[in-house]
Amino acid sequence: TFTLYAMGWFRQAPGKERELVAAVSWNGANIYYADSV
């Protein structure tokens, strides 16, 4: 049930930890971005 989930995009480069790039709440009202993007 897609609307019950926040969705995130992560990335992982070789030798680095997985990091959150961006995330969006179920209705799009809240959004997060990593400073780098």
PDB file of all heavy atoms in Angstrom:
ATOM      1  N   THR A   1       0.870  -1.175   0.000  1.00  0.00           N
ATOM      2  CA  THR A   1       0.000   0.000   0.000  1.00  0.00           C
ATOM      3  C   THR A   1       0.905   1.222   0.000  1.00  0.00           C
ATOM      4  O   THR A   1       1.391   1.672   1.034  1.00  0.00           O
ATOM      5  CB  THR A   1      -0.928  -0.013   1.221  1.00  0.00           C
ATOM      6  OG1 THR A   1      -1.661  -1.244   1.239  1.00  0.00           O
ATOM      7  CG2 THR A   1      -1.909   1.157   1.144  1.00  0.00           C
ATOM      8  N   PHE A   2       1.113   1.743  -1.195  1.00  0.00           N
ATOM      9  CA  PHE A   2       2.159   2.735  -1.428  1.00  0.00           C
ATOM     10  C   PHE A   2       2.021   3.950  -0.524  1.00  0.00           C
ATOM     11  O   PHE A   2       3.010   4.498  -0.042  1.00  0.00           O
ATOM     12  CB  PHE A   2       2.115   3.135  -2.910  1.00  0.00           C
ATOM     13  CG  PHE A   2       3.295   3.922  -3.395  1.00  0.00           C
ATOM     14  CD1 PHE A   2       4.572   3.367  -3.370  1.00  0.00           C
ATOM     15  CD2 PHE A   2       3.138   5.194  -3.918  1.00  0.00           C
ATOM     16  CE1 PHE A   2       5.672   4.080  -3.837  1.00  0.00           C
ATOM     17  CE2 PHE A   2       4.216   5.923  -4.390  1.00  0.00           C
ATOM     18  CZ  PHE A   2       5.493   5.352  -4.353  1.00  0.00           C
ATOM     19  N   THR A   3       0.790   4.369  -0.256  1.00  0.00           N
ATOM     20  CA  THR A   3       0.584   5.589   0.523  1.00  0.00           C
ATOM     21  C   THR A   3       0.880   5.412   2.006  1.00  0.00           C
ATOM     22  O   THR A   3       0.859   6.384   2.760  1.00  0.00           O
ATOM     23  CB  THR A   3      -0.850   6.104   0.347  1.00  0.00           C
ATOM     24  OG1 THR A   3      -1.770   5.029   0.611  1.00  0.00           O
ATOM     25  CG2 THR A   3      -1.092   6.641  -1.059  1.00  0.00           C
ATOM     26  N   LEU A   4       1.174   4.211   2.444  1.00  0.00           N
ATOM     27  CA  LEU A   4       1.555   3.991   3.840  1.00  0.00           C
ATOM     28  C   LEU A   4       3.067   4.074   4.044  1.00  0.00           C
ATOM     29  O   LEU A   4       3.556   3.855   5.152  1.00  0.00           O
ATOM     30  CB  LEU A   4       1.050   2.628   4.319  1.00  0.00           C
ATOM     31  CG  LEU A   4      -0.465   2.495   4.436  1.00  0.00           C
ATOM     32  CD1 LEU A   4      -0.833   1.085   4.890  1.00  0.00           C
ATOM     33  CD2 LEU A   4      -1.053   3.525   5.388  1.00  0.00           C
ATOM     34  N   TYR A   5       3.772   4.394   2.968  1.00  0.00           N
ATOM     35  CA  TYR A   5       5.232   4.375   3.024  1.00  0.00           C
ATOM     36  C   TYR A   5       5.841   5.695   2.602  1.00  0.00           C
ATOM     37  O   TYR A   5       5.451   6.274   1.579  1.00  0.00           O
ATOM     38  CB  TYR A   5       5.787   3.281   2.110  1.00  0.00           C
ATOM     39  CG  TYR A   5       5.495   1.894   2.603  1.00  0.00           C
ATOM     40  CD1 TYR A   5       4.265   1.286   2.369  1.00  0.00           C
ATOM     41  CD2 TYR A   5       6.451   1.177   3.307  1.00  0.00           C
ATOM     42  CE1 TYR A   5       3.992   0.020   2.836  1.00  0.00           C
ATOM     43  CE2 TYR A   5       6.194  -0.102   3.778  1.00  0.00           C
ATOM     44  CZ  TYR A   5       4.960  -0.667   3.537  1.00  0.00           C
ATOM     45  OH  TYR A   5       4.696  -1.926   4.004  1.00  0.00           O
ATOM     46  N   ALA A   6       6.816   6.153   3.395  1.00  0.00           N
ATOM     47  CA  ALA A   6       7.744   7.160   2.895  1.00  0.00           C
ATOM     48  C   ALA A   6       8.708   6.449   1.947  1.00  0.00           C
ATOM     49  O   ALA A   6       8.996   5.265   2.112  1.00  0.00           O
ATOM     50  CB  ALA A   6       8.499   7.801   4.044  1.00  0.00           C
ATOM     51  N   MET A   7       9.186   7.178   0.973  1.00  0.00           N
ATOM     52  CA  MET A   7      10.099   6.591  -0.014  1.00  0.00           C
ATOM     53  C   MET A   7      11.418   7.350  -0.014  1.00  0.00           C
ATOM     54  O   MET A   7      11.447   8.586   0.094  1.00  0.00           O
ATOM     55  CB  MET A   7       9.473   6.655  -1.410  1.00  0.00           C
ATOM     56  CG  MET A   7       8.167   5.886  -1.533  1.00  0.00           C
ATOM     57  SD  MET A   7       8.337   4.131  -1.202  1.00  0.00           S
ATOM     58  CE  MET A   7       9.427   3.630  -2.544  1.00  0.00           C
ATOM     59  N   GLY A   8      12.476   6.599  -0.135  1.00  0.00           N
ATOM     60  CA  GLY A   8      13.788   7.218  -0.144  1.00  0.00           C
ATOM     61  C   GLY A   8      14.646   6.725  -1.291  1.00  0.00           C
ATOM     62  O   GLY A   8      14.455   5.614  -1.793  1.00  0.00           O
ATOM     63  N   TRP A   9      15.556   7.587  -1.705  1.00  0.00           N
ATOM     64  CA  TRP A   9      16.605   7.208  -2.651  1.00  0.00           C
ATOM     65  C   TRP A   9      17.937   7.239  -1.891  1.00  0.00           C
ATOM     66  O   TRP A   9      18.305   8.268  -1.320  1.00  0.00           O
ATOM     67  CB  TRP A   9      16.670   8.165  -3.836  1.00  0.00           C
ATOM     68  CG  TRP A   9      15.588   7.974  -4.844  1.00  0.00           C
ATOM     69  CD1 TRP A   9      14.427   8.682  -4.961  1.00  0.00           C
ATOM     70  CD2 TRP A   9      15.574   6.998  -5.888  1.00  0.00           C
ATOM     71  NE1 TRP A   9      13.682   8.202  -6.005  1.00  0.00           N
ATOM     72  CE2 TRP A   9      14.370   7.169  -6.602  1.00  0.00           C
ATOM     73  CE3 TRP A   9      16.448   5.987  -6.297  1.00  0.00           C
ATOM     74  CZ2 TRP A   9      14.020   6.376  -7.698  1.00  0.00           C
ATOM     75  CZ3 TRP A   9      16.102   5.206  -7.379  1.00  0.00           C
ATOM     76  CH2 TRP A   9      14.902   5.403  -8.065  1.00  0.00           C
ATOM     77  N   PHE A  10      18.613   6.115  -1.897  1.00  0.00           N
ATOM     78  CA  PHE A  10      19.935   5.996  -1.298  1.00  0.00           C
ATOM     79  C   PHE A  10      20.949   5.782  -2.422  1.00  0.00           C
ATOM     80  O   PHE A  10      20.597   5.384  -3.527  1.00  0.00           O
ATOM     81  CB  PHE A  10      19.997   4.792  -0.355  1.00  0.00           C
ATOM     82  CG  PHE A  10      19.248   4.981   0.937  1.00  0.00           C
ATOM     83  CD1 PHE A  10      17.865   4.851   0.975  1.00  0.00           C
ATOM     84  CD2 PHE A  10      19.917   5.273   2.113  1.00  0.00           C
ATOM     85  CE1 PHE A  10      17.168   5.012   2.171  1.00  0.00           C
ATOM     86  CE2 PHE A  10      19.231   5.432   3.312  1.00  0.00           C
ATOM     87  CZ  PHE A  10      17.853   5.297   3.338  1.00  0.00           C
ATOM     88  N   ARG A  11      22.205   6.000  -2.082  1.00  0.00           N
ATOM     89  CA  ARG A  11      23.269   5.650  -3.013  1.00  0.00           C
ATOM     90  C   ARG A  11      24.460   5.095  -2.247  1.00  0.00           C
ATOM     91  O   ARG A  11      24.664   5.403  -1.078  1.00  0.00           O
ATOM     92  CB  ARG A  11      23.695   6.852  -3.867  1.00  0.00           C
ATOM     93  CG  ARG A  11      24.392   7.965  -3.097  1.00  0.00           C
ATOM     94  CD  ARG A  11      24.643   9.144  -4.038  1.00  0.00           C
ATOM     95  NE  ARG A  11      25.319  10.246  -3.359  1.00  0.00           N
ATOM     96  CZ  ARG A  11      25.524  11.433  -3.900  1.00  0.00           C
ATOM     97  NH1 ARG A  11      25.107  11.687  -5.147  1.00  0.00           N
ATOM     98  NH2 ARG A  11      26.152  12.385  -3.220  1.00  0.00           N
ATOM     99  N   GLN A  12      25.202   4.265  -2.965  1.00  0.00           N
ATOM    100  CA  GLN A  12      26.399   3.678  -2.366  1.00  0.00           C
ATOM    101  C   GLN A  12      27.484   3.594  -3.421  1.00  0.00           C
ATOM    102  O   GLN A  12      27.306   2.931  -4.452  1.00  0.00           O
ATOM    103  CB  GLN A  12      26.111   2.291  -1.786  1.00  0.00           C
ATOM    104  CG  GLN A  12      27.265   1.732  -0.977  1.00  0.00           C
ATOM    105  CD  GLN A  12      26.846   0.541  -0.133  1.00  0.00           C
ATOM    106  OE1 GLN A  12      25.837  -0.100  -0.379  1.00  0.00           O
ATOM    107  NE2 GLN A  12      27.626   0.258   0.890  1.00  0.00           N
ATOM    108  N   ALA A  13      28.575   4.260  -3.142  1.00  0.00           N
ATOM    109  CA  ALA A  13      29.745   4.214  -4.010  1.00  0.00           C
ATOM    110  C   ALA A  13      30.706   3.160  -3.459  1.00  0.00           C
ATOM    111  O   ALA A  13      30.665   2.843  -2.262  1.00  0.00           O
ATOM    112  CB  ALA A  13      30.414   5.578  -4.069  1.00  0.00           C
ATOM    113  N   PRO A  14      31.576   2.616  -4.304  1.00  0.00           N
ATOM    114  CA  PRO A  14      32.524   1.595  -3.840  1.00  0.00           C
ATOM    115  C   PRO A  14      33.348   2.092  -2.660  1.00  0.00           C
ATOM    116  O   PRO A  14      33.894   3.195  -2.684  1.00  0.00           O
ATOM    117  CB  PRO A  14      33.402   1.354  -5.074  1.00  0.00           C
ATOM    118  CG  PRO A  14      32.526   1.700  -6.217  1.00  0.00           C
ATOM    119  CD  PRO A  14      31.681   2.849  -5.751  1.00  0.00           C
ATOM    120  N   GLY A  15      33.383   1.285  -1.597  1.00  0.00           N
ATOM    121  CA  GLY A  15      34.176   1.626  -0.434  1.00  0.00           C
ATOM    122  C   GLY A  15      33.538   2.624   0.503  1.00  0.00           C
ATOM    123  O   GLY A  15      34.151   3.032   1.495  1.00  0.00           O
ATOM    124  N   LYS A  16      32.304   3.030   0.192  1.00  0.00           N
ATOM    125  CA  LYS A  16      31.618   4.015   1.028  1.00  0.00           C
ATOM    126  C   LYS A  16      30.335   3.430   1.591  1.00  0.00           C
ATOM    127  O   LYS A  16      29.797   2.447   1.084  1.00  0.00           O
ATOM    128  CB  LYS A  16      31.321   5.276   0.226  1.00  0.00           C
ATOM    129  CG  LYS A  16      32.567   6.032  -0.207  1.00  0.00           C
ATOM    130  CD  LYS A  16      32.211   7.377  -0.806  1.00  0.00           C
ATOM    131  CE  LYS A  16      33.456   8.172  -1.153  1.00  0.00           C
ATOM    132  NZ  LYS A  16      33.119   9.516  -1.705  1.00  0.00           N
ATOM    133  N   GLU A  17      29.839   4.067   2.653  1.00  0.00           N
ATOM    134  CA  GLU A  17      28.588   3.629   3.253  1.00  0.00           C
ATOM    135  C   GLU A  17      27.408   4.086   2.403  1.00  0.00           C
ATOM    136  O   GLU A  17      27.486   5.064   1.672  1.00  0.00           O
ATOM    137  CB  GLU A  17      28.458   4.193   4.669  1.00  0.00           C
ATOM    138  CG  GLU A  17      29.459   3.617   5.657  1.00  0.00           C
ATOM    139  CD  GLU A  17      29.195   4.078   7.076  1.00  0.00           C
ATOM    140  OE1 GLU A  17      28.320   4.940   7.272  1.00  0.00           O
ATOM    141  OE2 GLU A  17      29.865   3.576   7.993  1.00  0.00           O
ATOM    142  N   ARG A  18      26.321   3.353   2.558  1.00  0.00           N
ATOM    143  CA  ARG A  18      25.092   3.745   1.881  1.00  0.00           C
ATOM    144  C   ARG A  18      24.564   5.018   2.538  1.00  0.00           C
ATOM    145  O   ARG A  18      24.481   5.106   3.766  1.00  0.00           O
ATOM    146  CB  ARG A  18      24.068   2.620   1.986  1.00  0.00           C
ATOM    147  CG  ARG A  18      22.866   2.784   1.111  1.00  0.00           C
ATOM    148  CD  ARG A  18      22.025   1.532   1.099  1.00  0.00           C
ATOM    149  NE  ARG A  18      22.752   0.386   0.553  1.00  0.00           N
ATOM    150  CZ  ARG A  18      22.171  -0.767   0.234  1.00  0.00           C
ATOM    151  NH1 ARG A  18      20.878  -0.939   0.416  1.00  0.00           N
ATOM    152  NH2 ARG A  18      22.886  -1.751  -0.249  1.00  0.00           N
ATOM    153  N   GLU A  19      24.204   5.994   1.727  1.00  0.00           N
ATOM    154  CA  GLU A  19      23.726   7.264   2.260  1.00  0.00           C
ATOM    155  C   GLU A  19      22.387   7.648   1.645  1.00  0.00           C
ATOM    156  O   GLU A  19      22.121   7.362   0.473  1.00  0.00           O
ATOM    157  CB  GLU A  19      24.745   8.381   1.985  1.00  0.00           C
ATOM    158  CG  GLU A  19      24.983   8.689   0.529  1.00  0.00           C
ATOM    159  CD  GLU A  19      25.806   9.949   0.289  1.00  0.00           C
ATOM    160  OE1 GLU A  19      25.968  10.755   1.240  1.00  0.00           O
ATOM    161  OE2 GLU A  19      26.269  10.138  -0.844  1.00  0.00           O
ATOM    162  N   LEU A  20      21.588   8.319   2.456  1.00  0.00           N
ATOM    163  CA  LEU A  20      20.302   8.809   1.967  1.00  0.00           C
ATOM    164  C   LEU A  20      20.537  10.063   1.127  1.00  0.00           C
ATOM    165  O   LEU A  20      21.162  11.020   1.578  1.00  0.00           O
ATOM    166  CB  LEU A  20      19.380   9.134   3.139  1.00  0.00           C
ATOM    167  CG  LEU A  20      18.002   9.686   2.772  1.00  0.00           C
ATOM    168  CD1 LEU A  20      17.197   8.649   1.999  1.00  0.00           C
ATOM    169  CD2 LEU A  20      17.258  10.128   4.031  1.00  0.00           C
ATOM    170  N   VAL A  21      20.018  10.035  -0.068  1.00  0.00           N
ATOM    171  CA  VAL A  21      20.131  11.172  -0.980  1.00  0.00           C
ATOM    172  C   VAL A  21      18.908  12.069  -0.862  1.00  0.00           C
ATOM    173  O   VAL A  21      19.032  13.289  -0.765  1.00  0.00           O
ATOM    174  CB  VAL A  21      20.282  10.673  -2.430  1.00  0.00           C
ATOM    175  CG1 VAL A  21      20.253  11.836  -3.402  1.00  0.00           C
ATOM    176  CG2 VAL A  21      21.555   9.871  -2.586  1.00  0.00           C
ATOM    177  N   ALA A  22      17.733  11.457  -0.867  1.00  0.00           N
ATOM    178  CA  ALA A  22      16.486  12.205  -0.795  1.00  0.00           C
ATOM    179  C   ALA A  22      15.381  11.291  -0.300  1.00  0.00           C
ATOM    180  O   ALA A  22      15.438  10.081  -0.515  1.00  0.00           O
ATOM    181  CB  ALA A  22      16.111  12.779  -2.163  1.00  0.00           C
ATOM    182  N   ALA A  23      14.399  11.885   0.362  1.00  0.00           N
ATOM    183  CA  ALA A  23      13.251  11.116   0.840  1.00  0.00           C
ATOM    184  C   ALA A  23      12.002  11.983   0.745  1.00  0.00           C
ATOM    185  O   ALA A  23      12.079  13.215   0.829  1.00  0.00           O
ATOM    186  CB  ALA A  23      13.464  10.647   2.270  1.00  0.00           C
ATOM    187  N   VAL A  24      10.868  11.313   0.599  1.00  0.00           N
ATOM    188  CA  VAL A  24       9.588  12.024   0.476  1.00  0.00           C
ATOM    189  C   VAL A  24       8.557  11.294   1.308  1.00  0.00           C
ATOM    190  O   VAL A  24       8.488  10.051   1.312  1.00  0.00           O
ATOM    191  CB  VAL A  24       9.169  12.132  -1.004  1.00  0.00           C
ATOM    192  CG1 VAL A  24       9.035  10.772  -1.669  1.00  0.00           C
ATOM    193  CG2 VAL A  24       7.904  12.951  -1.161  1.00  0.00           C
ATOM    194  N   SER A  25       7.749  12.050   2.032  1.00  0.00           N
ATOM    195  CA  SER A  25       6.698  11.455   2.861  1.00  0.00           C
ATOM    196  C   SER A  25       5.559  10.937   1.987  1.00  0.00           C
ATOM    197  O   SER A  25       5.514  11.194   0.780  1.00  0.00           O
ATOM    198  CB  SER A  25       6.172  12.475   3.861  1.00  0.00           C
ATOM    199  OG  SER A  25       5.617  13.594   3.181  1.00  0.00           O
ATOM    200  N   TRP A  26       4.608  10.259   2.600  1.00  0.00           N
ATOM    201  CA  TRP A  26       3.585   9.545   1.850  1.00  0.00           C
ATOM    202  C   TRP A  26       2.782  10.453   0.913  1.00  0.00           C
ATOM    203  O   TRP A  26       2.374  10.017  -0.162  1.00  0.00           O
ATOM    204  CB  TRP A  26       2.629   8.837   2.820  1.00  0.00           C
ATOM    205  CG  TRP A  26       1.703   9.772   3.551  1.00  0.00           C
ATOM    206  CD1 TRP A  26       1.960  10.453   4.700  1.00  0.00           C
ATOM    207  CD2 TRP A  26       0.369  10.121   3.160  1.00  0.00           C
ATOM    208  NE1 TRP A  26       0.874  11.209   5.051  1.00  0.00           N
ATOM    209  CE2 TRP A  26      -0.118  11.014   4.131  1.00  0.00           C
ATOM    210  CE3 TRP A  26      -0.458   9.755   2.101  1.00  0.00           C
ATOM    211  CZ2 TRP A  26      -1.396  11.560   4.064  1.00  0.00           C
ATOM    212  CZ3 TRP A  26      -1.736  10.292   2.031  1.00  0.00           C
ATOM    213  CH2 TRP A  26      -2.185  11.191   3.006  1.00  0.00           C
ATOM    214  N   ASN A  27       2.588  11.700   1.319  1.00  0.00           N
ATOM    215  CA  ASN A  27       1.778  12.606   0.500  1.00  0.00           C
ATOM    216  C   ASN A  27       2.601  13.693  -0.172  1.00  0.00           C
ATOM    217  O   ASN A  27       2.054  14.618  -0.755  1.00  0.00           O
ATOM    218  CB  ASN A  27       0.690  13.256   1.351  1.00  0.00           C
ATOM    219  CG  ASN A  27       1.265  14.065   2.501  1.00  0.00           C
ATOM    220  OD1 ASN A  27       2.470  14.072   2.720  1.00  0.00           O
ATOM    221  ND2 ASN A  27       0.400  14.731   3.235  1.00  0.00           N
ATOM    222  N   GLY A  28       3.924  13.603  -0.053  1.00  0.00           N
ATOM    223  CA  GLY A  28       4.783  14.586  -0.696  1.00  0.00           C
ATOM    224  C   GLY A  28       4.959  15.864   0.087  1.00  0.00           C
ATOM    225  O   GLY A  28       5.664  16.766  -0.367  1.00  0.00           O
ATOM    226  N   ALA A  29       4.350  15.963   1.266  1.00  0.00           N
ATOM    227  CA  ALA A  29       4.403  17.211   2.023  1.00  0.00           C
ATOM    228  C   ALA A  29       5.765  17.450   2.657  1.00  0.00           C
ATOM    229  O   ALA A  29       6.173  18.600   2.841  1.00  0.00           O
ATOM    230  CB  ALA A  29       3.322  17.217   3.097  1.00  0.00           C
ATOM    231  N   ASN A  30       6.439  16.393   3.035  1.00  0.00           N
ATOM    232  CA  ASN A  30       7.763  16.506   3.652  1.00  0.00           C
ATOM    233  C   ASN A  30       8.804  15.899   2.737  1.00  0.00           C
ATOM    234  O   ASN A  30       8.624  14.782   2.235  1.00  0.00           O
ATOM    235  CB  ASN A  30       7.793  15.792   5.000  1.00  0.00           C
ATOM    236  CG  ASN A  30       6.899  16.481   6.023  1.00  0.00           C
ATOM    237  OD1 ASN A  30       6.637  17.671   5.927  1.00  0.00           O
ATOM    238  ND2 ASN A  30       6.433  15.725   6.985  1.00  0.00           N
ATOM    239  N   ILE A  31       9.878  16.634   2.557  1.00  0.00           N
ATOM    240  CA  ILE A  31      10.959  16.187   1.680  1.00  0.00           C
ATOM    241  C   ILE A  31      12.288  16.476   2.344  1.00  0.00           C
ATOM    242  O   ILE A  31      12.461  17.510   2.988  1.00  0.00           O
ATOM    243  CB  ILE A  31      10.875  16.879   0.307  1.00  0.00           C
ATOM    244  CG1 ILE A  31       9.676  16.341  -0.486  1.00  0.00           C
ATOM    245  CG2 ILE A  31      12.156  16.681  -0.495  1.00  0.00           C
ATOM    246  CD1 ILE A  31       9.478  16.981  -1.839  1.00  0.00           C
ATOM    247  N   TYR A  32      13.194  15.536   2.173  1.00  0.00           N
ATOM    248  CA  TYR A  32      14.552  15.676   2.700  1.00  0.00           C
ATOM    249  C   TYR A  32      15.538  15.531   1.545  1.00  0.00           C
ATOM    250  O   TYR A  32      15.353  14.680   0.662  1.00  0.00           O
ATOM    251  CB  TYR A  32      14.840  14.582   3.736  1.00  0.00           C
ATOM    252  CG  TYR A  32      16.310  14.428   4.051  1.00  0.00           C
ATOM    253  CD1 TYR A  32      16.922  15.193   5.032  1.00  0.00           C
ATOM    254  CD2 TYR A  32      17.103  13.531   3.333  1.00  0.00           C
ATOM    255  CE1 TYR A  32      18.263  15.073   5.301  1.00  0.00           C
ATOM    256  CE2 TYR A  32      18.458  13.403   3.592  1.00  0.00           C
ATOM    257  CZ  TYR A  32      19.023  14.165   4.579  1.00  0.00           C
ATOM    258  OH  TYR A  32      20.360  14.042   4.833  1.00  0.00           O
ATOM    259  N   TYR A  33      16.586  16.351   1.580  1.00  0.00           N
ATOM    260  CA  TYR A  33      17.703  16.207   0.651  1.00  0.00           C
ATOM    261  C   TYR A  33      19.005  16.235   1.431  1.00  0.00           C
ATOM    262  O   TYR A  33      19.174  17.028   2.357  1.00  0.00           O
ATOM    263  CB  TYR A  33      17.739  17.342  -0.379  1.00  0.00           C
ATOM    264  CG  TYR A  33      16.580  17.359  -1.340  1.00  0.00           C
ATOM    265  CD1 TYR A  33      15.566  18.290  -1.243  1.00  0.00           C
ATOM    266  CD2 TYR A  33      16.506  16.424  -2.385  1.00  0.00           C
ATOM    267  CE1 TYR A  33      14.502  18.316  -2.124  1.00  0.00           C
ATOM    268  CE2 TYR A  33      15.440  16.439  -3.272  1.00  0.00           C
ATOM    269  CZ  TYR A  33      14.449  17.384  -3.128  1.00  0.00           C
ATOM    270  OH  TYR A  33      13.395  17.395  -4.016  1.00  0.00           O
ATOM    271  N   ALA A  34      19.933  15.404   1.022  1.00  0.00           N
ATOM    272  CA  ALA A  34      21.290  15.514   1.537  1.00  0.00           C
ATOM    273  C   ALA A  34      21.878  16.840   1.052  1.00  0.00           C
ATOM    274  O   ALA A  34      21.562  17.316  -0.045  1.00  0.00           O
ATOM    275  CB  ALA A  34      22.130  14.341   1.057  1.00  0.00           C
ATOM    276  N   ASP A  35      22.742  17.420   1.872  1.00  0.00           N
ATOM    277  CA  ASP A  35      23.343  18.708   1.508  1.00  0.00           C
ATOM    278  C   ASP A  35      24.057  18.638   0.162  1.00  0.00           C
ATOM    279  O   ASP A  35      24.070  19.606  -0.588  1.00  0.00           O
ATOM    280  CB  ASP A  35      24.325  19.146   2.586  1.00  0.00           C
ATOM    281  CG  ASP A  35      23.632  19.607   3.860  1.00  0.00           C
ATOM    282  OD1 ASP A  35      22.416  19.901   3.808  1.00  0.00           O
ATOM    283  OD2 ASP A  35      24.308  19.663   4.903  1.00  0.00           O
ATOM    284  N   SER A  36      24.636  17.490  -0.125  1.00  0.00           N
ATOM    285  CA  SER A  36      25.439  17.355  -1.341  1.00  0.00           C
ATOM    286  C   SER A  36      24.614  17.424  -2.624  1.00  0.00           C
ATOM    287  O   SER A  36      25.174  17.623  -3.700  1.00  0.00           O
ATOM    288  CB  SER A  36      26.214  16.037  -1.307  1.00  0.00           C
ATOM    289  OG  SER A  36      25.321  14.955  -1.167  1.00  0.00           O
ATOM    290  N   VAL A  37      23.286  17.268  -2.518  1.00  0.00           N
ATOM    291  CA  VAL A  37      22.457  17.253  -3.728  1.00  0.00           C
ATOM    292  C   VAL A  37      21.422  18.361  -3.754  1.00  0.00           C
ATOM    293  O   VAL A  37      20.701  18.513  -4.738  1.00  0.00           O
ATOM    294  CB  VAL A  37      21.761  15.889  -3.920  1.00  0.00           C
ATOM    295  CG1 VAL A  37      22.774  14.760  -3.888  1.00  0.00           C
ATOM    296  CG2 VAL A  37      20.659  15.675  -2.887  1.00  0.00           C
TER     297      VAL A  37
END
